[in-house]
């Protein structure tokens, strides 16, 4: 190469963008793809963040909203409800600044004292033990399950027993054993819920849904937040 030939651009120079621009462009693509899929602006806002976290527009076909879940979650969060998650991976991805502004307590069920001992005693998973030990904190809470299908099954057992009534359940456990079944059982309950049907899901998706709800709860003037409170599109 002589001095007159242009320098080849690096891959970073060709493709990389500032973080804010990456998010802006990505969300614009997602919003355009979901514009005709979710009539409710609040649902569309949550779906957009979940799809963005997954990097998969096809995931929108598996998203399920029931019982005016966005409205219920936003109202509960604005009232300072607790957020209960199944595992640390969900907790680690939550927006702590928004949590603090709302005054919401964050509870990671699997980290509660006594989880390992109870799991051994009963011969169940730590996820089940964590949900059972968190029982007193579940009523009126926003509950996000992104990893363990057994955590969702344990929660549904408590709901069926009439001992807890969450404000909203984000049911996104991932896996080939019991995940699809747990989410199908969630769909049969009347509790407000946001779920990814089938075997897909994961902690990043559950955390993305919670963070979207935190944004809506703090942005009372946004069309999505207004729609979620009114139960319809703007």
C-alpha atoms as a PDB file:
ATOM      1  CA  UNK A   1       0.000   0.000   0.000  1.00  0.00           C
ATOM      2  CA  UNK A   2       1.409   3.409  -0.936  1.00  0.00           C
ATOM      3  CA  UNK A   3       0.712   6.703   0.751  1.00  0.00           C
ATOM      4  CA  UNK A   4      -1.964   7.706  -1.784  1.00  0.00           C
ATOM      5  CA  UNK A   5      -4.267   4.748  -1.162  1.00  0.00           C
ATOM      6  CA  UNK A   6      -7.058   5.239   1.406  1.00  0.00           C
ATOM      7  CA  UNK A   7      -6.750   3.365   4.666  1.00  0.00           C
ATOM      8  CA  UNK A   8      -9.158   0.473   5.028  1.00  0.00           C
ATOM      9  CA  UNK A   9     -11.684   1.097   7.791  1.00  0.00           C
ATOM     10  CA  UNK A  10     -11.591  -1.208  10.794  1.00  0.00           C
ATOM     11  CA  UNK A  11     -14.657  -3.224  11.704  1.00  0.00           C
ATOM     12  CA  UNK A  12     -15.294  -0.926  14.656  1.00  0.00           C
ATOM     13  CA  UNK A  13     -15.184   2.115  12.359  1.00  0.00           C
ATOM     14  CA  UNK A  14     -17.503   0.434   9.840  1.00  0.00           C
ATOM     15  CA  UNK A  15     -20.153  -0.921  12.150  1.00  0.00           C
ATOM     16  CA  UNK A  16     -19.877   0.329  15.727  1.00  0.00           C
ATOM     17  CA  UNK A  17     -22.017   3.217  16.938  1.00  0.00           C
ATOM     18  CA  UNK A  18     -22.251   5.107  20.233  1.00  0.00           C
ATOM     19  CA  UNK A  19     -24.393   3.222  22.783  1.00  0.00           C
ATOM     20  CA  UNK A  20     -27.249   5.739  22.668  1.00  0.00           C
ATOM     21  CA  UNK A  21     -27.404   5.527  18.886  1.00  0.00           C
ATOM     22  CA  UNK A  22     -27.388   1.726  18.952  1.00  0.00           C
ATOM     23  CA  UNK A  23     -30.347   1.744  21.333  1.00  0.00           C
ATOM     24  CA  UNK A  24     -32.199   4.438  19.355  1.00  0.00           C
ATOM     25  CA  UNK A  25     -31.872   2.610  16.050  1.00  0.00           C
ATOM     26  CA  UNK A  26     -32.657  -0.775  17.551  1.00  0.00           C
ATOM     27  CA  UNK A  27     -35.789   0.431  19.307  1.00  0.00           C
ATOM     28  CA  UNK A  28     -36.932   2.247  16.166  1.00  0.00           C
ATOM     29  CA  UNK A  29     -36.730  -1.027  14.239  1.00  0.00           C
ATOM     30  CA  UNK A  30     -38.544  -2.897  17.008  1.00  0.00           C
ATOM     31  CA  UNK A  31     -41.254  -0.241  17.350  1.00  0.00           C
ATOM     32  CA  UNK A  32     -41.912  -0.318  13.605  1.00  0.00           C
ATOM     33  CA  UNK A  33     -42.175  -4.105  13.628  1.00  0.00           C
ATOM     34  CA  UNK A  34     -44.581  -4.150  16.593  1.00  0.00           C
ATOM     35  CA  UNK A  35     -46.750  -1.186  15.591  1.00  0.00           C
ATOM     36  CA  UNK A  36     -49.627  -3.353  14.343  1.00  0.00           C
ATOM     37  CA  UNK A  37     -49.206  -6.211  16.804  1.00  0.00           C
ATOM     38  CA  UNK A  38     -50.024  -4.640  20.180  1.00  0.00           C
ATOM     39  CA  UNK A  39     -52.907  -2.159  20.253  1.00  0.00           C
ATOM     40  CA  UNK A  40     -52.253  -1.195  23.868  1.00  0.00           C
ATOM     41  CA  UNK A  41     -49.359   1.271  24.088  1.00  0.00           C
ATOM     42  CA  UNK A  42     -48.224  -0.021  27.460  1.00  0.00           C
ATOM     43  CA  UNK A  43     -48.078  -3.598  26.199  1.00  0.00           C
ATOM     44  CA  UNK A  44     -46.229  -2.429  23.107  1.00  0.00           C
ATOM     45  CA  UNK A  45     -43.655  -0.625  25.253  1.00  0.00           C
ATOM     46  CA  UNK A  46     -42.995  -3.724  27.355  1.00  0.00           C
ATOM     47  CA  UNK A  47     -42.977  -6.030  24.336  1.00  0.00           C
ATOM     48  CA  UNK A  48     -40.508  -3.748  22.570  1.00  0.00           C
ATOM     49  CA  UNK A  49     -38.007  -3.936  25.417  1.00  0.00           C
ATOM     50  CA  UNK A  50     -38.334  -7.713  25.701  1.00  0.00           C
ATOM     51  CA  UNK A  51     -37.877  -8.189  21.959  1.00  0.00           C
ATOM     52  CA  UNK A  52     -34.924  -5.786  22.008  1.00  0.00           C
ATOM     53  CA  UNK A  53     -33.307  -7.751  24.839  1.00  0.00           C
ATOM     54  CA  UNK A  54     -33.768 -10.988  22.896  1.00  0.00           C
ATOM     55  CA  UNK A  55     -32.590  -9.568  19.573  1.00  0.00           C
ATOM     56  CA  UNK A  56     -35.430 -11.482  17.969  1.00  0.00           C
ATOM     57  CA  UNK A  57     -38.509  -9.886  16.415  1.00  0.00           C
ATOM     58  CA  UNK A  58     -40.129 -13.314  16.185  1.00  0.00           C
ATOM     59  CA  UNK A  59     -40.374 -13.460  19.961  1.00  0.00           C
ATOM     60  CA  UNK A  60     -43.297 -11.024  19.798  1.00  0.00           C
ATOM     61  CA  UNK A  61     -45.481 -13.881  18.570  1.00  0.00           C
ATOM     62  CA  UNK A  62     -44.895 -15.699  21.863  1.00  0.00           C
ATOM     63  CA  UNK A  63     -45.523 -12.785  24.212  1.00  0.00           C
ATOM     64  CA  UNK A  64     -48.735 -13.013  26.201  1.00  0.00           C
ATOM     65  CA  UNK A  65     -50.420 -10.300  28.287  1.00  0.00           C
ATOM     66  CA  UNK A  66     -53.380 -11.131  30.491  1.00  0.00           C
ATOM     67  CA  UNK A  67     -55.508  -9.404  33.089  1.00  0.00           C
ATOM     68  CA  UNK A  68     -54.437  -5.869  32.132  1.00  0.00           C
ATOM     69  CA  UNK A  69     -51.016  -6.818  33.417  1.00  0.00           C
ATOM     70  CA  UNK A  70     -49.209  -3.615  32.455  1.00  0.00           C
ATOM     71  CA  UNK A  71     -51.790  -1.419  34.122  1.00  0.00           C
ATOM     72  CA  UNK A  72     -51.771  -3.587  37.261  1.00  0.00           C
ATOM     73  CA  UNK A  73     -47.977  -3.605  37.488  1.00  0.00           C
ATOM     74  CA  UNK A  74     -47.607   0.126  36.876  1.00  0.00           C
ATOM     75  CA  UNK A  75     -50.205   0.953  39.518  1.00  0.00           C
ATOM     76  CA  UNK A  76     -48.524  -1.361  42.034  1.00  0.00           C
ATOM     77  CA  UNK A  77     -45.061   0.024  41.315  1.00  0.00           C
ATOM     78  CA  UNK A  78     -46.280   3.593  41.687  1.00  0.00           C
ATOM     79  CA  UNK A  79     -47.616   2.572  45.094  1.00  0.00           C
ATOM     80  CA  UNK A  80     -44.165   1.269  46.087  1.00  0.00           C
ATOM     81  CA  UNK A  81     -44.793  -2.472  45.897  1.00  0.00           C
ATOM     82  CA  UNK A  82     -42.007  -5.001  46.301  1.00  0.00           C
ATOM     83  CA  UNK A  83     -40.356  -6.701  43.340  1.00  0.00           C
ATOM     84  CA  UNK A  84     -39.587 -10.372  43.893  1.00  0.00           C
ATOM     85  CA  UNK A  85     -37.321 -12.244  41.469  1.00  0.00           C
ATOM     86  CA  UNK A  86     -36.344 -15.887  41.343  1.00  0.00           C
ATOM     87  CA  UNK A  87     -32.580 -15.607  40.780  1.00  0.00           C
ATOM     88  CA  UNK A  88     -29.637 -13.212  41.007  1.00  0.00           C
ATOM     89  CA  UNK A  89     -29.341 -12.871  37.234  1.00  0.00           C
ATOM     90  CA  UNK A  90     -32.712 -11.119  37.099  1.00  0.00           C
ATOM     91  CA  UNK A  91     -31.903  -8.963  40.105  1.00  0.00           C
ATOM     92  CA  UNK A  92     -28.525  -7.919  38.685  1.00  0.00           C
ATOM     93  CA  UNK A  93     -30.086  -6.564  35.495  1.00  0.00           C
ATOM     94  CA  UNK A  94     -32.717  -4.367  37.123  1.00  0.00           C
ATOM     95  CA  UNK A  95     -32.524  -0.585  37.038  1.00  0.00           C
ATOM     96  CA  UNK A  96     -31.570   0.215  40.635  1.00  0.00           C
ATOM     97  CA  UNK A  97     -31.944   3.978  40.201  1.00  0.00           C
ATOM     98  CA  UNK A  98     -35.573   3.614  39.151  1.00  0.00           C
ATOM     99  CA  UNK A  99     -36.200   1.080  41.905  1.00  0.00           C
ATOM    100  CA  UNK A 100     -34.954   3.584  44.470  1.00  0.00           C
ATOM    101  CA  UNK A 101     -37.046   6.399  43.028  1.00  0.00           C
ATOM    102  CA  UNK A 102     -40.160   4.262  43.349  1.00  0.00           C
ATOM    103  CA  UNK A 103     -39.213   3.036  46.815  1.00  0.00           C
ATOM    104  CA  UNK A 104     -39.580  -0.612  45.792  1.00  0.00           C
ATOM    105  CA  UNK A 105     -37.879  -3.329  47.810  1.00  0.00           C
ATOM    106  CA  UNK A 106     -36.048  -5.901  45.679  1.00  0.00           C
ATOM    107  CA  UNK A 107     -36.195  -9.483  46.958  1.00  0.00           C
ATOM    108  CA  UNK A 108     -34.217 -12.316  45.369  1.00  0.00           C
ATOM    109  CA  UNK A 109     -36.020 -15.463  46.503  1.00  0.00           C
ATOM    110  CA  UNK A 110     -33.114 -17.849  46.024  1.00  0.00           C
ATOM    111  CA  UNK A 111     -30.912 -15.690  48.281  1.00  0.00           C
ATOM    112  CA  UNK A 112     -33.257 -15.706  51.271  1.00  0.00           C
ATOM    113  CA  UNK A 113     -31.833 -17.186  54.481  1.00  0.00           C
ATOM    114  CA  UNK A 114     -32.637 -20.851  54.906  1.00  0.00           C
ATOM    115  CA  UNK A 115     -33.181 -21.652  51.232  1.00  0.00           C
ATOM    116  CA  UNK A 116     -30.578 -24.394  50.977  1.00  0.00           C
ATOM    117  CA  UNK A 117     -31.632 -26.028  54.240  1.00  0.00           C
ATOM    118  CA  UNK A 118     -35.314 -26.044  53.275  1.00  0.00           C
ATOM    119  CA  UNK A 119     -34.538 -27.424  49.821  1.00  0.00           C
ATOM    120  CA  UNK A 120     -32.578 -30.294  51.360  1.00  0.00           C
ATOM    121  CA  UNK A 121     -35.243 -30.968  53.988  1.00  0.00           C
ATOM    122  CA  UNK A 122     -38.082 -31.132  51.465  1.00  0.00           C
ATOM    123  CA  UNK A 123     -36.118 -32.603  48.572  1.00  0.00           C
ATOM    124  CA  UNK A 124     -37.082 -29.759  46.235  1.00  0.00           C
ATOM    125  CA  UNK A 125     -35.174 -27.239  44.143  1.00  0.00           C
ATOM    126  CA  UNK A 126     -33.742 -24.116  45.741  1.00  0.00           C
ATOM    127  CA  UNK A 127     -36.086 -22.137  43.485  1.00  0.00           C
ATOM    128  CA  UNK A 128     -39.118 -23.783  45.097  1.00  0.00           C
ATOM    129  CA  UNK A 129     -37.708 -23.270  48.569  1.00  0.00           C
ATOM    130  CA  UNK A 130     -37.023 -19.613  47.804  1.00  0.00           C
ATOM    131  CA  UNK A 131     -40.580 -18.932  46.662  1.00  0.00           C
ATOM    132  CA  UNK A 132     -42.015 -20.654  49.724  1.00  0.00           C
ATOM    133  CA  UNK A 133     -39.771 -18.653  52.050  1.00  0.00           C
ATOM    134  CA  UNK A 134     -40.765 -15.448  50.231  1.00  0.00           C
ATOM    135  CA  UNK A 135     -44.479 -16.138  50.690  1.00  0.00           C
ATOM    136  CA  UNK A 136     -45.056 -13.228  53.086  1.00  0.00           C
ATOM    137  CA  UNK A 137     -43.641 -10.790  50.487  1.00  0.00           C
ATOM    138  CA  UNK A 138     -45.533 -12.018  47.436  1.00  0.00           C
ATOM    139  CA  UNK A 139     -48.974 -10.558  48.029  1.00  0.00           C
ATOM    140  CA  UNK A 140     -49.376  -7.385  45.965  1.00  0.00           C
ATOM    141  CA  UNK A 141     -45.854  -7.687  44.551  1.00  0.00           C
ATOM    142  CA  UNK A 142     -44.556  -7.655  40.998  1.00  0.00           C
ATOM    143  CA  UNK A 143     -42.934 -11.082  40.631  1.00  0.00           C
ATOM    144  CA  UNK A 144     -40.437 -11.817  37.861  1.00  0.00           C
ATOM    145  CA  UNK A 145     -39.381 -15.385  37.144  1.00  0.00           C
ATOM    146  CA  UNK A 146     -36.771 -15.639  34.412  1.00  0.00           C
ATOM    147  CA  UNK A 147     -34.875 -18.819  35.126  1.00  0.00           C
ATOM    148  CA  UNK A 148     -36.583 -21.549  37.119  1.00  0.00           C
ATOM    149  CA  UNK A 149     -39.832 -23.184  35.954  1.00  0.00           C
ATOM    150  CA  UNK A 150     -40.150 -24.754  39.403  1.00  0.00           C
ATOM    151  CA  UNK A 151     -40.273 -21.274  40.942  1.00  0.00           C
ATOM    152  CA  UNK A 152     -43.292 -20.445  38.810  1.00  0.00           C
ATOM    153  CA  UNK A 153     -44.966 -23.734  39.702  1.00  0.00           C
ATOM    154  CA  UNK A 154     -44.413 -23.053  43.411  1.00  0.00           C
ATOM    155  CA  UNK A 155     -45.868 -19.563  43.021  1.00  0.00           C
ATOM    156  CA  UNK A 156     -48.943 -20.907  41.237  1.00  0.00           C
ATOM    157  CA  UNK A 157     -49.472 -23.417  44.048  1.00  0.00           C
ATOM    158  CA  UNK A 158     -49.552 -20.532  46.531  1.00  0.00           C
ATOM    159  CA  UNK A 159     -51.973 -18.616  44.314  1.00  0.00           C
ATOM    160  CA  UNK A 160     -54.194 -21.683  44.062  1.00  0.00           C
ATOM    161  CA  UNK A 161     -54.106 -22.044  47.833  1.00  0.00           C
ATOM    162  CA  UNK A 162     -55.387 -18.476  48.129  1.00  0.00           C
ATOM    163  CA  UNK A 163     -52.495 -17.356  50.318  1.00  0.00           C
ATOM    164  CA  UNK A 164     -51.025 -14.808  47.885  1.00  0.00           C
ATOM    165  CA  UNK A 165     -52.311 -12.555  45.134  1.00  0.00           C
ATOM    166  CA  UNK A 166     -49.490 -10.841  43.231  1.00  0.00           C
ATOM    167  CA  UNK A 167     -50.088  -7.555  41.444  1.00  0.00           C
ATOM    168  CA  UNK A 168     -48.450  -9.007  38.337  1.00  0.00           C
ATOM    169  CA  UNK A 169     -46.458 -12.116  37.430  1.00  0.00           C
ATOM    170  CA  UNK A 170     -43.765 -11.956  34.771  1.00  0.00           C
ATOM    171  CA  UNK A 171     -43.489 -15.608  33.818  1.00  0.00           C
ATOM    172  CA  UNK A 172     -40.473 -16.126  31.590  1.00  0.00           C
ATOM    173  CA  UNK A 173     -38.609 -19.205  32.837  1.00  0.00           C
ATOM    174  CA  UNK A 174     -36.587 -20.978  30.178  1.00  0.00           C
ATOM    175  CA  UNK A 175     -36.053 -24.681  29.602  1.00  0.00           C
ATOM    176  CA  UNK A 176     -37.238 -27.930  28.068  1.00  0.00           C
ATOM    177  CA  UNK A 177     -38.619 -29.421  31.281  1.00  0.00           C
ATOM    178  CA  UNK A 178     -41.695 -27.834  32.881  1.00  0.00           C
ATOM    179  CA  UNK A 179     -41.138 -24.330  31.460  1.00  0.00           C
ATOM    180  CA  UNK A 180     -43.866 -24.512  28.819  1.00  0.00           C
ATOM    181  CA  UNK A 181     -46.168 -26.335  31.228  1.00  0.00           C
ATOM    182  CA  UNK A 182     -45.640 -23.764  33.992  1.00  0.00           C
ATOM    183  CA  UNK A 183     -46.453 -20.897  31.641  1.00  0.00           C
ATOM    184  CA  UNK A 184     -49.522 -22.724  30.328  1.00  0.00           C
ATOM    185  CA  UNK A 185     -50.717 -23.100  33.926  1.00  0.00           C
ATOM    186  CA  UNK A 186     -50.083 -19.386  34.500  1.00  0.00           C
ATOM    187  CA  UNK A 187     -52.318 -18.594  31.531  1.00  0.00           C
ATOM    188  CA  UNK A 188     -55.143 -20.549  33.174  1.00  0.00           C
ATOM    189  CA  UNK A 189     -55.088 -18.349  36.293  1.00  0.00           C
ATOM    190  CA  UNK A 190     -56.801 -14.981  36.518  1.00  0.00           C
ATOM    191  CA  UNK A 191     -53.732 -13.213  37.860  1.00  0.00           C
ATOM    192  CA  UNK A 192     -52.361 -10.337  35.735  1.00  0.00           C
ATOM    193  CA  UNK A 193     -49.358 -11.738  33.901  1.00  0.00           C
ATOM    194  CA  UNK A 194     -46.806 -11.197  31.159  1.00  0.00           C
ATOM    195  CA  UNK A 195     -45.286 -14.375  29.738  1.00  0.00           C
ATOM    196  CA  UNK A 196     -43.317 -15.875  26.876  1.00  0.00           C
ATOM    197  CA  UNK A 197     -45.181 -18.981  25.776  1.00  0.00           C
ATOM    198  CA  UNK A 198     -43.307 -22.224  25.237  1.00  0.00           C
ATOM    199  CA  UNK A 199     -39.777 -23.179  26.209  1.00  0.00           C
ATOM    200  CA  UNK A 200     -38.159 -19.818  25.502  1.00  0.00           C
ATOM    201  CA  UNK A 201     -37.484 -17.109  28.067  1.00  0.00           C
ATOM    202  CA  UNK A 202     -34.623 -16.283  30.365  1.00  0.00           C
ATOM    203  CA  UNK A 203     -33.416 -13.838  32.983  1.00  0.00           C
ATOM    204  CA  UNK A 204     -32.525 -11.045  30.493  1.00  0.00           C
ATOM    205  CA  UNK A 205     -36.079 -11.086  29.128  1.00  0.00           C
ATOM    206  CA  UNK A 206     -37.700 -11.036  32.559  1.00  0.00           C
ATOM    207  CA  UNK A 207     -35.434  -8.186  33.634  1.00  0.00           C
ATOM    208  CA  UNK A 208     -36.213  -6.274  30.442  1.00  0.00           C
ATOM    209  CA  UNK A 209     -39.934  -6.556  31.177  1.00  0.00           C
ATOM    210  CA  UNK A 210     -39.480  -5.269  34.728  1.00  0.00           C
ATOM    211  CA  UNK A 211     -37.304  -2.378  33.570  1.00  0.00           C
ATOM    212  CA  UNK A 212     -39.903  -1.412  30.989  1.00  0.00           C
ATOM    213  CA  UNK A 213     -42.569  -1.381  33.703  1.00  0.00           C
ATOM    214  CA  UNK A 214     -40.311   0.760  35.916  1.00  0.00           C
ATOM    215  CA  UNK A 215     -39.994   3.282  33.087  1.00  0.00           C
ATOM    216  CA  UNK A 216     -43.754   3.405  32.614  1.00  0.00           C
ATOM    217  CA  UNK A 217     -44.356   3.792  36.346  1.00  0.00           C
ATOM    218  CA  UNK A 218     -42.049   6.798  36.521  1.00  0.00           C
ATOM    219  CA  UNK A 219     -43.162   8.433  33.297  1.00  0.00           C
ATOM    220  CA  UNK A 220     -46.729   9.357  34.123  1.00  0.00           C
ATOM    221  CA  UNK A 221     -46.958  11.727  31.179  1.00  0.00           C
ATOM    222  CA  UNK A 222     -45.966   9.181  28.518  1.00  0.00           C
ATOM    223  CA  UNK A 223     -48.662   7.866  26.149  1.00  0.00           C
ATOM    224  CA  UNK A 224     -47.750   4.310  27.121  1.00  0.00           C
ATOM    225  CA  UNK A 225     -48.139   4.995  30.817  1.00  0.00           C
ATOM    226  CA  UNK A 226     -51.420   6.830  30.250  1.00  0.00           C
ATOM    227  CA  UNK A 227     -52.712   3.957  28.153  1.00  0.00           C
ATOM    228  CA  UNK A 228     -51.685   1.381  30.747  1.00  0.00           C
ATOM    229  CA  UNK A 229     -53.681   3.185  33.402  1.00  0.00           C
ATOM    230  CA  UNK A 230     -56.728   3.626  31.185  1.00  0.00           C
ATOM    231  CA  UNK A 231     -56.569   0.071  29.887  1.00  0.00           C
ATOM    232  CA  UNK A 232     -56.401   1.010  26.216  1.00  0.00           C
ATOM    233  CA  UNK A 233     -54.397   2.570  23.458  1.00  0.00           C
ATOM    234  CA  UNK A 234     -53.780   6.365  23.391  1.00  0.00           C
END
